[in-house]
Amino acid sequence: MSLADFQNEIYLAGLGEVVPELPTDLHRLEEVARARLTPQAHGYVAGAAGAERTARANLAAFDRWKIVPRMLRDVADRDLSTTVLGTEMPAPVIVGPVGVLRILHPDGELAVARATKALGVTMTLSTAASTTMEEVAAEAGPRWFQLYWPKDRELAASFVRRAKESGYTALVVTLDTFSMAWRPRDLDRAYLPFLQGIGVQNYWSDPVFQKAIGGPVTDDNRDRAVLHWVANFGDPRLTWDDLAWLREEWDGPIVLKGIQHLDDARRAVDAGMDGIVVSNHGGRQVDGAIASLEALPAIASAVGSRITVLFDSGIRSGADVAKALALGAEAVMIGRPYAYGLGLAGEDGVRHVLRCLMAELELTLALAGRSTLADVGRDLLDG
């Protein structure tokens, strides 16, 4: 079955006067979400660092590259399936890590797990999930685990061990968030869901964490648990040398997320890492930073033959995915679009977003004269 068949499903449903519940233009999801979600939830997802210049730059960067369609290339048989770091995928699209998803929908990460499993899409679970990694694993299909590396080394080892035992096959280590950035949308509402006990479920369920606070989290020690989370969330002391310890703890692929500089990409290769994500965290960490798409071509050109290069930050359409692939990414991670889909329609909303994205990607490439990922290269673009 073609990914693009979703288009036909929509048109055929229209014969019965059934139209999609959510927009098929994923750029419009934020507009709809703003009207329907709580101000706190919408602000947390939509917000970025400072004046949000980096978030805007991520979107604008895609407009500077133009696709050049080619004709008469026989694109009747199309296949976008791929394998990334040992994980089979129907298309080069991965659900990236977004924390505290229960602020958007009661089913939170479980709804995302069910939607991705149904489509065969890989889910990357955040350390800051509002559902434990074990509970998500019971519902999920192919899955990776994203690590916010805590100060407590025993706690970090416990997270990694639990992820391995729960069937997560790759470890995605976020490097750019050892501290929360200055995010005015959240600050203006004094809203940080972790302090309300949302997004700390992997911590509070962990035996090392519980031992440190004197037992399981209860109403009696809840404040102590929150303070212990605050003290251990991120570790600004980490250096490249610490990756050797992580390699000893995890025997599967390790991906470093947050790479923006060519020298850091080279250091990831030298450190024996398996992949990198060219990412600025969707603009959520450093205001005025380089757009991720601007950093991608040079990094992919320099290290793409030696390490798996992934991309996130600013993906809103199948055309965006096509451009990132043409500039050297093997696959992309998405964040805000599926989070909005979750908040607006739960599991069905996540499935809708993913099907729209993959259908548009297939159609975009086919109409540009490309039927497989092997056909997608720099010559797809003008610029």
Protein backbone atom coordinates (compact mmCIF):
# COMPACT_ATOMS: atom_id res chain seq x y z
CA MET A 1 0.00 0.00 0.00
CA SER A 2 1.33 3.42 -0.97
CA LEU A 3 1.75 6.05 1.72
CA ALA A 4 0.11 8.49 -0.68
CA ASP A 5 -3.10 6.42 -0.68
CA PHE A 6 -4.13 8.45 2.36
CA GLN A 7 -5.01 11.19 -0.12
CA ASN A 8 -7.47 8.88 -1.88
CA GLU A 9 -9.00 7.84 1.45
CA ILE A 10 -9.74 11.47 2.25
CA TYR A 11 -11.30 12.22 -1.12
CA LEU A 12 -13.39 9.03 -1.08
CA ALA A 13 -14.64 9.80 2.44
CA GLY A 14 -15.76 13.14 1.05
CA LEU A 15 -18.33 11.34 -1.09
CA GLY A 16 -20.08 10.59 2.19
CA GLU A 17 -19.63 14.19 3.32
CA VAL A 18 -16.88 13.21 5.76
CA VAL A 19 -14.01 15.67 5.97
CA PRO A 20 -10.83 15.45 8.06
CA GLU A 21 -11.21 16.53 11.67
CA LEU A 22 -7.79 18.22 11.60
CA PRO A 23 -6.06 20.30 8.92
CA THR A 24 -4.07 18.45 6.29
CA ASP A 25 -1.76 21.49 6.06
CA LEU A 26 0.29 20.82 9.18
CA HIS A 27 1.35 24.46 9.37
CA ARG A 28 -2.21 25.21 10.51
CA LEU A 29 -2.14 22.88 13.50
CA GLU A 30 -0.71 25.49 15.84
CA GLU A 31 -3.49 27.92 14.93
CA VAL A 32 -6.16 25.32 15.73
CA ALA A 33 -4.33 24.21 18.88
CA ARG A 34 -4.15 27.77 20.17
CA ALA A 35 -7.93 27.96 20.08
CA ARG A 36 -8.58 24.58 21.70
CA LEU A 37 -5.78 23.80 24.17
CA THR A 38 -5.31 25.42 27.56
CA PRO A 39 -3.06 28.51 27.38
CA GLN A 40 -0.50 26.71 29.56
CA ALA A 41 -0.36 23.61 27.37
CA HIS A 42 -0.30 25.53 24.11
CA GLY A 43 2.36 27.90 25.41
CA TYR A 44 4.57 25.07 26.59
CA VAL A 45 4.55 23.35 23.20
CA ALA A 46 4.56 26.40 20.94
CA GLY A 47 6.99 28.44 23.00
CA ALA A 48 10.69 28.83 22.39
CA ALA A 49 13.64 30.62 23.92
CA GLY A 50 13.72 34.40 24.29
CA ALA A 51 12.09 36.35 21.47
CA GLU A 52 11.67 33.03 19.58
CA ARG A 53 13.95 34.14 16.74
CA THR A 54 15.52 30.69 16.41
CA ALA A 55 12.12 29.01 16.10
CA ARG A 56 11.18 31.42 13.32
CA ALA A 57 14.55 30.98 11.65
CA ASN A 58 14.02 27.22 11.52
CA LEU A 59 10.84 27.69 9.50
CA ALA A 60 12.26 30.41 7.27
CA ALA A 61 15.31 28.32 6.38
CA PHE A 62 13.16 25.86 4.45
CA ASP A 63 11.80 28.63 2.25
CA ARG A 64 15.30 29.47 1.00
CA TRP A 65 15.60 26.09 -0.72
CA LYS A 66 13.50 25.35 -3.80
CA ILE A 67 12.64 21.92 -5.21
CA VAL A 68 13.33 21.44 -8.92
CA PRO A 69 10.94 18.81 -10.37
CA ARG A 70 12.13 16.50 -13.14
CA MET A 71 9.81 14.90 -15.69
CA LEU A 72 9.30 11.53 -17.48
CA ARG A 73 11.14 9.45 -14.89
CA ASP A 74 8.74 6.51 -14.29
CA VAL A 75 7.70 6.96 -10.68
CA ALA A 76 4.82 4.47 -10.79
CA ASP A 77 6.44 2.13 -8.26
CA ARG A 78 7.43 4.07 -5.17
CA ASP A 79 9.14 2.91 -1.98
CA LEU A 80 10.35 5.20 0.80
CA SER A 81 11.12 2.44 3.30
CA THR A 82 14.50 2.52 4.96
CA THR A 83 16.53 1.17 7.86
CA VAL A 84 18.12 3.61 10.29
CA LEU A 85 20.47 2.34 12.98
CA GLY A 86 19.02 -1.14 12.63
CA THR A 87 15.39 0.02 12.84
CA GLU A 88 13.13 -0.61 9.85
CA MET A 89 10.92 2.33 8.89
CA PRO A 90 8.13 2.81 6.30
CA ALA A 91 9.58 6.26 5.55
CA PRO A 92 12.45 8.33 6.92
CA VAL A 93 10.22 9.93 9.56
CA ILE A 94 10.75 9.40 13.30
CA VAL A 95 8.59 10.67 16.14
CA GLY A 96 11.00 12.77 18.17
CA PRO A 97 11.04 13.08 21.95
CA VAL A 98 8.50 15.49 23.45
CA GLY A 99 7.98 15.43 27.21
CA VAL A 100 4.97 15.96 29.48
CA LEU A 101 2.46 14.87 26.85
CA ARG A 102 -0.32 14.41 29.38
CA ILE A 103 -0.69 18.17 29.57
CA LEU A 104 -2.07 17.81 26.02
CA HIS A 105 -4.23 14.69 26.35
CA PRO A 106 -5.01 12.25 29.18
CA ASP A 107 -3.53 9.33 27.23
CA GLY A 108 -0.30 11.23 26.60
CA GLU A 109 2.59 9.04 25.52
CA LEU A 110 0.39 5.93 25.38
CA ALA A 111 -1.67 7.46 22.56
CA VAL A 112 1.52 8.26 20.67
CA ALA A 113 2.78 4.71 21.23
CA ARG A 114 -0.41 3.19 19.83
CA ALA A 115 -0.49 5.52 16.82
CA THR A 116 3.14 4.91 15.88
CA LYS A 117 2.83 1.16 16.35
CA ALA A 118 -0.17 1.05 14.00
CA LEU A 119 1.88 2.78 11.29
CA GLY A 120 5.23 1.10 11.97
CA VAL A 121 6.78 4.49 12.76
CA THR A 122 9.57 4.67 15.33
CA MET A 123 8.74 6.50 18.55
CA THR A 124 11.43 8.22 20.60
CA LEU A 125 10.33 8.42 24.23
CA SER A 126 11.51 11.37 26.30
CA THR A 127 13.08 10.94 29.72
CA ALA A 128 10.62 13.68 30.67
CA ALA A 129 7.63 11.57 29.69
CA SER A 130 4.49 11.69 31.80
CA THR A 131 4.22 7.89 31.51
CA THR A 132 6.96 5.46 32.52
CA MET A 133 9.14 3.89 29.86
CA GLU A 134 7.89 0.45 30.85
CA GLU A 135 4.24 1.39 30.40
CA VAL A 136 4.96 2.94 27.01
CA ALA A 137 6.99 -0.08 25.90
CA ALA A 138 3.96 -2.31 26.51
CA GLU A 139 1.98 -0.28 23.92
CA ALA A 140 4.68 0.76 21.45
CA GLY A 141 6.15 -0.73 18.32
CA PRO A 142 9.70 0.24 17.26
CA ARG A 143 11.08 2.54 19.92
CA TRP A 144 14.12 4.58 20.90
CA PHE A 145 14.80 6.22 24.25
CA GLN A 146 15.92 9.82 24.68
CA LEU A 147 18.17 10.50 27.67
CA TYR A 148 18.37 13.70 29.62
CA TRP A 149 21.60 12.81 31.39
CA PRO A 150 21.07 13.49 35.12
CA LYS A 151 23.74 14.56 37.59
CA ASP A 152 23.38 11.36 39.59
CA ARG A 153 25.45 8.84 37.63
CA GLU A 154 23.68 5.91 39.30
CA LEU A 155 20.36 7.34 38.18
CA ALA A 156 21.66 7.74 34.62
CA ALA A 157 22.80 4.11 34.64
CA SER A 158 19.42 3.01 35.94
CA PHE A 159 17.58 4.89 33.15
CA VAL A 160 19.80 3.26 30.53
CA ARG A 161 19.37 -0.19 32.06
CA ARG A 162 15.58 0.16 32.24
CA ALA A 163 15.41 1.33 28.63
CA LYS A 164 17.46 -1.64 27.48
CA GLU A 165 15.29 -4.08 29.44
CA SER A 166 12.15 -2.48 27.97
CA GLY A 167 13.18 -3.03 24.37
CA TYR A 168 14.28 0.46 23.34
CA THR A 169 16.87 -0.15 20.63
CA ALA A 170 18.70 3.18 20.30
CA LEU A 171 19.71 5.79 22.86
CA VAL A 172 19.26 9.44 21.86
CA VAL A 173 21.24 11.70 24.20
CA THR A 174 20.08 15.31 24.22
CA LEU A 175 23.11 17.54 24.78
CA ASP A 176 21.58 21.02 24.61
CA THR A 177 19.24 20.91 27.61
CA PHE A 178 21.27 20.51 30.79
CA SER A 179 19.28 23.55 31.94
CA MET A 180 15.93 25.04 30.99
CA ALA A 181 16.31 28.04 28.72
CA TRP A 182 14.68 31.44 29.23
CA ARG A 183 11.19 30.75 27.82
CA PRO A 184 8.92 33.77 28.27
CA ARG A 185 5.65 32.03 27.43
CA ASP A 186 6.13 29.66 30.37
CA LEU A 187 7.72 32.27 32.61
CA ASP A 188 4.87 34.73 32.13
CA ARG A 189 2.49 32.05 33.44
CA ALA A 190 4.98 30.74 36.04
CA TYR A 191 4.26 27.34 34.50
CA LEU A 192 6.65 24.41 34.70
CA PRO A 193 4.71 21.12 34.63
CA PHE A 194 7.52 19.11 36.23
CA LEU A 195 7.03 20.97 39.50
CA GLN A 196 3.40 19.83 39.42
CA GLY A 197 4.44 16.20 39.11
CA ILE A 198 3.95 15.91 35.32
CA GLY A 199 6.86 14.68 33.22
CA VAL A 200 8.76 13.20 36.16
CA GLN A 201 7.28 9.69 35.96
CA ASN A 202 10.50 8.02 34.80
CA TYR A 203 12.29 9.62 37.74
CA TRP A 204 9.71 8.91 40.41
CA SER A 205 9.37 5.27 39.32
CA ASP A 206 13.12 4.68 39.38
CA PRO A 207 14.60 2.60 42.23
CA VAL A 208 17.72 4.77 42.43
CA PHE A 209 15.61 7.92 42.67
CA GLN A 210 13.32 6.37 45.27
CA LYS A 211 16.28 5.25 47.36
CA ALA A 212 17.65 8.79 47.34
CA ILE A 213 14.41 10.25 48.74
CA GLY A 214 13.78 7.46 51.23
CA GLY A 215 11.18 5.38 49.39
CA PRO A 216 8.38 5.57 46.79
CA VAL A 217 6.92 9.01 46.13
CA THR A 218 3.89 9.74 48.31
CA ASP A 219 2.03 12.83 49.43
CA ASP A 220 4.35 12.96 52.44
CA ASN A 221 7.60 13.18 50.46
CA ARG A 222 6.33 14.76 47.25
CA ASP A 223 8.09 18.06 47.90
CA ARG A 224 11.35 16.21 48.54
CA ALA A 225 10.87 14.32 45.26
CA VAL A 226 10.34 17.56 43.33
CA LEU A 227 13.45 19.15 44.85
CA HIS A 228 15.50 16.03 44.11
CA TRP A 229 14.33 16.17 40.49
CA VAL A 230 15.33 19.85 40.29
CA ALA A 231 18.77 19.04 41.68
CA ASN A 232 19.40 16.18 39.24
CA PHE A 233 17.62 17.03 35.97
CA GLY A 234 20.71 18.07 33.98
CA ASP A 235 24.46 17.95 34.40
CA PRO A 236 26.41 20.98 33.11
CA ARG A 237 29.67 19.29 34.06
CA LEU A 238 29.49 16.75 31.22
CA THR A 239 32.26 16.71 28.62
CA TRP A 240 33.12 14.61 25.59
CA ASP A 241 35.14 12.33 27.85
CA ASP A 242 31.96 11.19 29.61
CA LEU A 243 30.70 9.48 26.46
CA ALA A 244 33.11 6.60 27.10
CA TRP A 245 31.16 5.78 30.28
CA LEU A 246 27.89 5.85 28.39
CA ARG A 247 29.23 3.50 25.74
CA GLU A 248 30.05 1.01 28.49
CA GLU A 249 26.49 1.22 29.83
CA TRP A 250 24.69 0.93 26.48
CA ASP A 251 25.60 -1.64 23.83
CA GLY A 252 23.22 -0.40 21.13
CA PRO A 253 23.38 2.64 18.86
CA ILE A 254 24.00 6.00 20.56
CA VAL A 255 22.82 9.21 18.90
CA LEU A 256 23.85 12.70 20.05
CA LYS A 257 21.05 15.24 19.67
CA GLY A 258 21.72 18.96 19.48
CA ILE A 259 24.69 19.11 17.10
CA GLN A 260 24.98 22.45 15.27
CA HIS A 261 28.71 22.91 14.73
CA LEU A 262 30.90 20.98 12.32
CA ASP A 263 33.61 20.42 14.94
CA ASP A 264 31.08 18.87 17.32
CA ALA A 265 29.93 16.54 14.55
CA ARG A 266 33.54 15.45 14.00
CA ARG A 267 34.00 14.91 17.74
CA ALA A 268 30.92 12.69 17.79
CA VAL A 269 32.56 10.55 15.10
CA ASP A 270 35.83 10.45 17.00
CA ALA A 271 33.98 9.42 20.16
CA GLY A 272 32.57 6.37 18.39
CA MET A 273 28.98 7.53 18.35
CA ASP A 274 26.58 5.96 15.87
CA GLY A 275 24.53 8.99 14.95
CA ILE A 276 23.85 12.67 15.47
CA VAL A 277 20.76 14.82 15.23
CA VAL A 278 21.40 18.22 13.69
CA SER A 279 19.03 20.13 15.94
CA ASN A 280 18.54 23.31 17.94
CA HIS A 281 15.68 21.79 19.95
CA GLY A 282 13.11 23.56 17.83
CA GLY A 283 14.46 26.92 18.99
CA ARG A 284 13.64 26.13 22.60
CA GLN A 285 17.13 26.57 24.05
CA VAL A 286 19.13 29.42 22.47
CA ASP A 287 17.46 32.51 21.04
CA GLY A 288 19.18 33.84 17.93
CA ALA A 289 20.89 30.54 17.13
CA ILE A 290 21.61 29.24 13.66
CA ALA A 291 18.70 27.47 11.98
CA SER A 292 19.21 23.72 11.99
CA LEU A 293 18.73 23.47 8.23
CA GLU A 294 21.53 25.99 7.73
CA ALA A 295 23.89 23.75 9.69
CA LEU A 296 22.86 20.50 8.00
CA PRO A 297 24.58 20.57 4.57
CA ALA A 298 28.12 21.15 5.80
CA ILE A 299 27.78 18.63 8.62
CA ALA A 300 26.29 15.95 6.39
CA SER A 301 28.93 16.52 3.74
CA ALA A 302 31.76 16.25 6.25
CA VAL A 303 30.66 13.27 8.37
CA GLY A 304 27.68 11.68 6.63
CA SER A 305 29.75 8.81 5.27
CA ARG A 306 30.98 7.91 8.78
CA ILE A 307 27.98 8.47 11.01
CA THR A 308 24.19 8.50 10.69
CA VAL A 309 22.99 12.08 10.29
CA LEU A 310 19.43 12.83 11.41
CA PHE A 311 17.66 16.16 11.48
CA ASP A 312 15.00 18.02 13.42
CA SER A 313 13.73 21.57 14.04
CA GLY A 314 11.20 23.16 11.74
CA ILE A 315 9.68 20.20 9.88
CA ARG A 316 6.06 21.05 9.04
CA SER A 317 5.42 19.32 5.71
CA GLY A 318 6.42 16.53 3.40
CA ALA A 319 8.24 19.09 1.27
CA ASP A 320 10.29 20.06 4.33
CA VAL A 321 11.25 16.42 4.84
CA ALA A 322 12.27 16.15 1.18
CA LYS A 323 14.53 19.19 1.51
CA ALA A 324 16.21 17.86 4.66
CA LEU A 325 16.86 14.53 2.95
CA ALA A 326 18.29 16.27 -0.10
CA LEU A 327 20.66 18.22 2.14
CA GLY A 328 22.05 15.08 3.70
CA ALA A 329 19.78 13.80 6.47
CA GLU A 330 19.04 10.07 6.48
CA ALA A 331 15.78 10.66 8.34
CA VAL A 332 14.00 13.44 10.22
CA MET A 333 12.45 13.72 13.65
CA ILE A 334 9.23 15.64 14.17
CA GLY A 335 8.00 17.24 17.37
CA ARG A 336 5.41 19.99 17.57
CA PRO A 337 3.13 18.73 14.74
CA TYR A 338 2.39 15.40 16.37
CA ALA A 339 2.12 17.04 19.80
CA TYR A 340 -0.60 19.33 18.43
CA GLY A 341 -2.29 16.33 16.81
CA LEU A 342 -2.27 14.57 20.18
CA GLY A 343 -3.72 17.57 21.96
CA LEU A 344 -6.47 18.01 19.39
CA ALA A 345 -7.56 14.42 18.75
CA GLY A 346 -5.52 11.98 20.85
CA GLU A 347 -4.28 8.84 19.14
CA ASP A 348 -6.27 9.62 15.98
CA GLY A 349 -4.67 13.06 15.84
CA VAL A 350 -1.15 11.64 16.00
CA ARG A 351 -1.98 9.10 13.31
CA HIS A 352 -3.47 11.86 11.13
CA VAL A 353 -0.34 14.00 11.38
CA LEU A 354 2.00 11.13 10.54
CA ARG A 355 -0.08 9.93 7.62
CA CYS A 356 -0.33 13.46 6.21
CA LEU A 357 3.40 13.98 6.50
CA MET A 358 4.37 10.67 4.89
CA ALA A 359 1.74 10.93 2.13
CA GLU A 360 2.86 14.43 1.23
CA LEU A 361 6.50 13.33 1.27
CA GLU A 362 5.82 10.49 -1.17
CA LEU A 363 3.75 12.70 -3.47
CA THR A 364 6.30 15.53 -3.38
CA LEU A 365 9.16 13.23 -4.33
CA ALA A 366 7.16 11.45 -7.03
CA LEU A 367 6.03 14.71 -8.59
CA ALA A 368 9.66 15.83 -8.52
CA GLY A 369 10.71 12.67 -10.36
CA ARG A 370 11.97 10.57 -7.46
CA SER A 371 10.52 7.17 -6.52
CA THR A 372 12.98 5.93 -3.89
CA LEU A 373 15.24 7.49 -1.26
CA ALA A 374 18.25 6.51 -3.36
CA ASP A 375 17.01 9.02 -5.94
CA VAL A 376 17.02 11.91 -3.44
CA GLY A 377 20.15 14.01 -3.52
CA ARG A 378 21.36 17.57 -3.65
CA ASP A 379 20.18 17.82 -7.28
CA LEU A 380 16.59 17.85 -5.98
CA LEU A 381 17.13 21.44 -4.92
CA ASP A 382 18.03 24.76 -6.41
CA GLY A 383 19.89 27.13 -4.12
